[in-house]
Amino acid sequence: MARQRIISTSINGNPIEFLAAPRQTLLEVLRENLDLIGTKEGCSNGNCGACTVILDGRPVDSCLVLAVEVEGSEVETIEGVAASDGLHVIQDAFLSQAALQCGICTPGFIMSTKALLEENSSPSEAEIRFHLAGNLCRCTGYDKIVRAVEQAAAGEMN
């Protein structure tokens, strides 16, 4: 059995250390070791975006990132999006636009949206669709999701 390593990182603004085996994914560590179960497992091969987190300011599929690769990095998960006094403007927009159904893909869409709006606060519809192309939803139409992103862009970013 491969030897585990101690990984020091920041998750949702909190410094943390955890043990990780060399082949263990960030998704596995988040869900199984750290009880951060908001990040969902969809395809486990980087095709659906359900497991999207923000790593050092960029959206990544956590099923494709080895946990040992986040040493010294900043990781943000869906659990870190909402403020203590209520939902983030993106979460509010997804609710008001009914841009969710079963919820498996929703955390990934929200994290991808957050990364997009932090980079481009006024994206066009084409830019939104392009940026979210790596996130798949099998339940709802993408129009509601695009409208939610447009609504969030029009609101204040927390």
C-alpha atoms as a PDB file:
ATOM      1  CA  MET A   1       0.000   0.000   0.000  1.00  0.00           C
ATOM      2  CA  ALA A   2       1.264   3.456  -0.894  1.00  0.00           C
ATOM      3  CA  ARG A   3       2.279   5.725   1.912  1.00  0.00           C
ATOM      4  CA  GLN A   4      -0.056   8.591   2.797  1.00  0.00           C
ATOM      5  CA  ARG A   5       1.148  12.180   2.908  1.00  0.00           C
ATOM      6  CA  ILE A   6       0.105  15.093   5.083  1.00  0.00           C
ATOM      7  CA  ILE A   7      -1.333  17.816   2.866  1.00  0.00           C
ATOM      8  CA  SER A   8      -1.526  21.412   4.086  1.00  0.00           C
ATOM      9  CA  THR A   9      -3.993  23.598   2.236  1.00  0.00           C
ATOM     10  CA  SER A  10      -6.846  26.045   2.714  1.00  0.00           C
ATOM     11  CA  ILE A  11     -10.430  24.953   2.177  1.00  0.00           C
ATOM     12  CA  ASN A  12     -13.128  27.615   2.169  1.00  0.00           C
ATOM     13  CA  GLY A  13     -10.710  30.059   3.762  1.00  0.00           C
ATOM     14  CA  ASN A  14      -9.733  27.738   6.607  1.00  0.00           C
ATOM     15  CA  PRO A  15      -6.220  26.295   6.893  1.00  0.00           C
ATOM     16  CA  ILE A  16      -6.399  22.528   7.099  1.00  0.00           C
ATOM     17  CA  GLU A  17      -4.195  19.461   7.070  1.00  0.00           C
ATOM     18  CA  PHE A  18      -5.318  16.009   5.972  1.00  0.00           C
ATOM     19  CA  LEU A  19      -3.830  12.652   5.041  1.00  0.00           C
ATOM     20  CA  ALA A  20      -4.003  11.591   1.414  1.00  0.00           C
ATOM     21  CA  ALA A  21      -2.841   8.537  -0.475  1.00  0.00           C
ATOM     22  CA  PRO A  22      -0.976   9.255  -3.735  1.00  0.00           C
ATOM     23  CA  ARG A  23      -3.875   8.089  -5.932  1.00  0.00           C
ATOM     24  CA  GLN A  24      -6.688   9.599  -3.888  1.00  0.00           C
ATOM     25  CA  THR A  25      -8.640  12.332  -5.667  1.00  0.00           C
ATOM     26  CA  LEU A  26      -9.565  15.668  -4.180  1.00  0.00           C
ATOM     27  CA  LEU A  27     -13.216  14.653  -4.577  1.00  0.00           C
ATOM     28  CA  GLU A  28     -12.661  11.540  -2.454  1.00  0.00           C
ATOM     29  CA  VAL A  29     -10.895  13.499   0.281  1.00  0.00           C
ATOM     30  CA  LEU A  30     -13.548  16.230   0.350  1.00  0.00           C
ATOM     31  CA  ARG A  31     -16.449  13.790   0.620  1.00  0.00           C
ATOM     32  CA  GLU A  32     -14.989  10.845   2.527  1.00  0.00           C
ATOM     33  CA  ASN A  33     -12.332  12.359   4.782  1.00  0.00           C
ATOM     34  CA  LEU A  34     -13.500  15.937   5.369  1.00  0.00           C
ATOM     35  CA  ASP A  35     -17.307  15.403   5.258  1.00  0.00           C
ATOM     36  CA  LEU A  36     -17.728  18.167   2.668  1.00  0.00           C
ATOM     37  CA  ILE A  37     -20.422  16.294   0.775  1.00  0.00           C
ATOM     38  CA  GLY A  38     -21.834  19.234  -1.170  1.00  0.00           C
ATOM     39  CA  THR A  39     -19.411  18.518  -4.001  1.00  0.00           C
ATOM     40  CA  LYS A  40     -21.074  15.717  -5.949  1.00  0.00           C
ATOM     41  CA  GLU A  41     -19.675  12.733  -7.787  1.00  0.00           C
ATOM     42  CA  GLY A  42     -21.177  12.397 -11.226  1.00  0.00           C
ATOM     43  CA  CYS A  43     -19.086  10.645 -13.839  1.00  0.00           C
ATOM     44  CA  SER A  44     -15.680  10.326 -12.107  1.00  0.00           C
ATOM     45  CA  ASN A  45     -13.899  11.057 -15.398  1.00  0.00           C
ATOM     46  CA  GLY A  46     -14.164  14.834 -15.818  1.00  0.00           C
ATOM     47  CA  ASN A  47     -17.048  14.916 -18.281  1.00  0.00           C
ATOM     48  CA  CYS A  48     -19.989  16.193 -16.220  1.00  0.00           C
ATOM     49  CA  GLY A  49     -18.703  18.998 -13.962  1.00  0.00           C
ATOM     50  CA  ALA A  50     -20.775  17.908 -10.950  1.00  0.00           C
ATOM     51  CA  CYS A  51     -17.627  17.868  -8.811  1.00  0.00           C
ATOM     52  CA  THR A  52     -16.423  21.357  -9.786  1.00  0.00           C
ATOM     53  CA  VAL A  53     -14.538  23.273  -7.096  1.00  0.00           C
ATOM     54  CA  ILE A  54     -12.447  26.412  -7.357  1.00  0.00           C
ATOM     55  CA  LEU A  55      -8.726  25.720  -7.013  1.00  0.00           C
ATOM     56  CA  ASP A  56      -6.513  28.794  -6.780  1.00  0.00           C
ATOM     57  CA  GLY A  57      -9.187  30.865  -8.516  1.00  0.00           C
ATOM     58  CA  ARG A  58      -9.922  28.436 -11.345  1.00  0.00           C
ATOM     59  CA  PRO A  59     -12.767  25.937 -11.682  1.00  0.00           C
ATOM     60  CA  VAL A  60     -11.550  22.328 -11.786  1.00  0.00           C
ATOM     61  CA  ASP A  61     -13.145  18.895 -11.765  1.00  0.00           C
ATOM     62  CA  SER A  62     -12.142  17.575  -8.356  1.00  0.00           C
ATOM     63  CA  CYS A  63     -12.431  13.996  -9.641  1.00  0.00           C
ATOM     64  CA  LEU A  64      -9.411  14.694 -11.870  1.00  0.00           C
ATOM     65  CA  VAL A  65      -7.239  16.431  -9.275  1.00  0.00           C
ATOM     66  CA  LEU A  66      -5.126  14.314  -6.989  1.00  0.00           C
ATOM     67  CA  ALA A  67      -5.449  15.401  -3.378  1.00  0.00           C
ATOM     68  CA  VAL A  68      -1.661  15.633  -3.075  1.00  0.00           C
ATOM     69  CA  GLU A  69      -1.718  18.304  -5.810  1.00  0.00           C
ATOM     70  CA  VAL A  70      -3.525  20.829  -3.593  1.00  0.00           C
ATOM     71  CA  GLU A  71      -0.580  21.240  -1.212  1.00  0.00           C
ATOM     72  CA  GLY A  72      -0.328  24.966  -0.441  1.00  0.00           C
ATOM     73  CA  SER A  73      -3.375  25.824  -2.553  1.00  0.00           C
ATOM     74  CA  GLU A  74      -6.687  27.563  -1.937  1.00  0.00           C
ATOM     75  CA  VAL A  75      -9.723  25.321  -2.466  1.00  0.00           C
ATOM     76  CA  GLU A  76     -13.290  26.600  -2.433  1.00  0.00           C
ATOM     77  CA  THR A  77     -16.234  24.206  -2.331  1.00  0.00           C
ATOM     78  CA  ILE A  78     -19.968  24.782  -2.429  1.00  0.00           C
ATOM     79  CA  GLU A  79     -19.955  24.821   1.384  1.00  0.00           C
ATOM     80  CA  GLY A  80     -17.893  28.022   1.280  1.00  0.00           C
ATOM     81  CA  VAL A  81     -20.165  29.977  -1.065  1.00  0.00           C
ATOM     82  CA  ALA A  82     -23.022  31.100   1.190  1.00  0.00           C
ATOM     83  CA  ALA A  83     -22.434  33.816   3.767  1.00  0.00           C
ATOM     84  CA  SER A  84     -23.366  33.183   7.380  1.00  0.00           C
ATOM     85  CA  ASP A  85     -26.347  35.514   7.010  1.00  0.00           C
ATOM     86  CA  GLY A  86     -27.883  33.901   3.931  1.00  0.00           C
ATOM     87  CA  LEU A  87     -27.427  32.531   0.460  1.00  0.00           C
ATOM     88  CA  HIS A  88     -24.988  33.936  -2.062  1.00  0.00           C
ATOM     89  CA  VAL A  89     -26.503  35.958  -4.923  1.00  0.00           C
ATOM     90  CA  ILE A  90     -25.733  33.044  -7.288  1.00  0.00           C
ATOM     91  CA  GLN A  91     -27.614  30.581  -5.086  1.00  0.00           C
ATOM     92  CA  ASP A  92     -30.549  33.007  -4.853  1.00  0.00           C
ATOM     93  CA  ALA A  93     -30.581  33.354  -8.639  1.00  0.00           C
ATOM     94  CA  PHE A  94     -30.602  29.586  -9.178  1.00  0.00           C
ATOM     95  CA  LEU A  95     -33.562  29.291  -6.801  1.00  0.00           C
ATOM     96  CA  SER A  96     -35.543  32.177  -8.276  1.00  0.00           C
ATOM     97  CA  GLN A  97     -35.004  30.957 -11.856  1.00  0.00           C
ATOM     98  CA  ALA A  98     -35.833  27.326 -10.948  1.00  0.00           C
ATOM     99  CA  ALA A  99     -32.456  26.374 -12.420  1.00  0.00           C
ATOM    100  CA  LEU A 100     -32.223  23.120 -10.483  1.00  0.00           C
ATOM    101  CA  GLN A 101     -34.095  19.903 -10.102  1.00  0.00           C
ATOM    102  CA  CYS A 102     -32.413  16.804  -8.695  1.00  0.00           C
ATOM    103  CA  GLY A 103     -29.449  18.808  -7.364  1.00  0.00           C
ATOM    104  CA  ILE A 104     -26.576  16.561  -8.445  1.00  0.00           C
ATOM    105  CA  CYS A 105     -25.189  19.081 -10.945  1.00  0.00           C
ATOM    106  CA  THR A 106     -26.180  22.254  -9.072  1.00  0.00           C
ATOM    107  CA  PRO A 107     -23.074  22.654  -6.862  1.00  0.00           C
ATOM    108  CA  GLY A 108     -20.843  22.298  -9.918  1.00  0.00           C
ATOM    109  CA  PHE A 109     -22.861  24.851 -11.878  1.00  0.00           C
ATOM    110  CA  ILE A 110     -22.752  27.281  -8.955  1.00  0.00           C
ATOM    111  CA  MET A 111     -18.987  26.915  -8.563  1.00  0.00           C
ATOM    112  CA  SER A 112     -18.419  27.356 -12.309  1.00  0.00           C
ATOM    113  CA  THR A 113     -20.703  30.389 -12.284  1.00  0.00           C
ATOM    114  CA  LYS A 114     -18.843  31.893  -9.336  1.00  0.00           C
ATOM    115  CA  ALA A 115     -15.509  31.460 -11.113  1.00  0.00           C
ATOM    116  CA  LEU A 116     -16.949  33.019 -14.286  1.00  0.00           C
ATOM    117  CA  LEU A 117     -18.429  36.044 -12.522  1.00  0.00           C
ATOM    118  CA  GLU A 118     -15.248  36.651 -10.553  1.00  0.00           C
ATOM    119  CA  GLU A 119     -13.392  36.794 -13.875  1.00  0.00           C
ATOM    120  CA  ASN A 120     -16.092  38.547 -15.935  1.00  0.00           C
ATOM    121  CA  SER A 121     -18.851  40.316 -14.018  1.00  0.00           C
ATOM    122  CA  SER A 122     -20.945  41.013 -17.154  1.00  0.00           C
ATOM    123  CA  PRO A 123     -20.720  37.990 -19.433  1.00  0.00           C
ATOM    124  CA  SER A 124     -22.794  37.718 -22.587  1.00  0.00           C
ATOM    125  CA  GLU A 125     -25.138  34.784 -23.057  1.00  0.00           C
ATOM    126  CA  ALA A 126     -22.610  33.203 -25.428  1.00  0.00           C
ATOM    127  CA  GLU A 127     -19.829  33.611 -22.845  1.00  0.00           C
ATOM    128  CA  ILE A 128     -22.020  32.037 -20.168  1.00  0.00           C
ATOM    129  CA  ARG A 129     -22.869  29.064 -22.369  1.00  0.00           C
ATOM    130  CA  PHE A 130     -19.221  28.620 -23.357  1.00  0.00           C
ATOM    131  CA  HIS A 131     -17.997  28.808 -19.754  1.00  0.00           C
ATOM    132  CA  LEU A 132     -20.612  26.324 -18.517  1.00  0.00           C
ATOM    133  CA  ALA A 133     -20.097  23.861 -21.389  1.00  0.00           C
ATOM    134  CA  GLY A 134     -18.189  21.505 -19.067  1.00  0.00           C
ATOM    135  CA  ASN A 135     -21.161  21.187 -16.725  1.00  0.00           C
ATOM    136  CA  LEU A 136     -23.935  18.782 -17.691  1.00  0.00           C
ATOM    137  CA  CYS A 137     -27.501  18.642 -16.433  1.00  0.00           C
ATOM    138  CA  ARG A 138     -29.790  15.770 -17.240  1.00  0.00           C
ATOM    139  CA  CYS A 139     -32.940  17.160 -15.580  1.00  0.00           C
ATOM    140  CA  THR A 140     -33.541  20.773 -16.524  1.00  0.00           C
ATOM    141  CA  GLY A 141     -33.085  22.883 -19.608  1.00  0.00           C
ATOM    142  CA  TYR A 142     -29.975  25.003 -19.801  1.00  0.00           C
ATOM    143  CA  ASP A 143     -32.008  28.158 -20.497  1.00  0.00           C
ATOM    144  CA  LYS A 144     -33.012  28.394 -16.824  1.00  0.00           C
ATOM    145  CA  ILE A 145     -29.400  27.993 -15.767  1.00  0.00           C
ATOM    146  CA  VAL A 146     -28.249  30.689 -18.207  1.00  0.00           C
ATOM    147  CA  ARG A 147     -31.002  33.017 -16.923  1.00  0.00           C
ATOM    148  CA  ALA A 148     -29.838  32.356 -13.349  1.00  0.00           C
ATOM    149  CA  VAL A 149     -26.270  33.300 -14.267  1.00  0.00           C
ATOM    150  CA  GLU A 150     -27.518  36.456 -15.989  1.00  0.00           C
ATOM    151  CA  GLN A 151     -29.558  37.355 -12.891  1.00  0.00           C
ATOM    152  CA  ALA A 152     -26.583  36.753 -10.605  1.00  0.00           C
ATOM    153  CA  ALA A 153     -24.378  38.901 -12.855  1.00  0.00           C
ATOM    154  CA  ALA A 154     -26.911  41.721 -12.596  1.00  0.00           C
ATOM    155  CA  GLY A 155     -26.902  41.457  -8.766  1.00  0.00           C
ATOM    156  CA  GLU A 156     -24.162  42.251  -6.296  1.00  0.00           C
ATOM    157  CA  MET A 157     -21.406  39.695  -5.854  1.00  0.00           C
ATOM    158  CA  ASN A 158     -20.720  38.843  -2.210  1.00  0.00           C
END
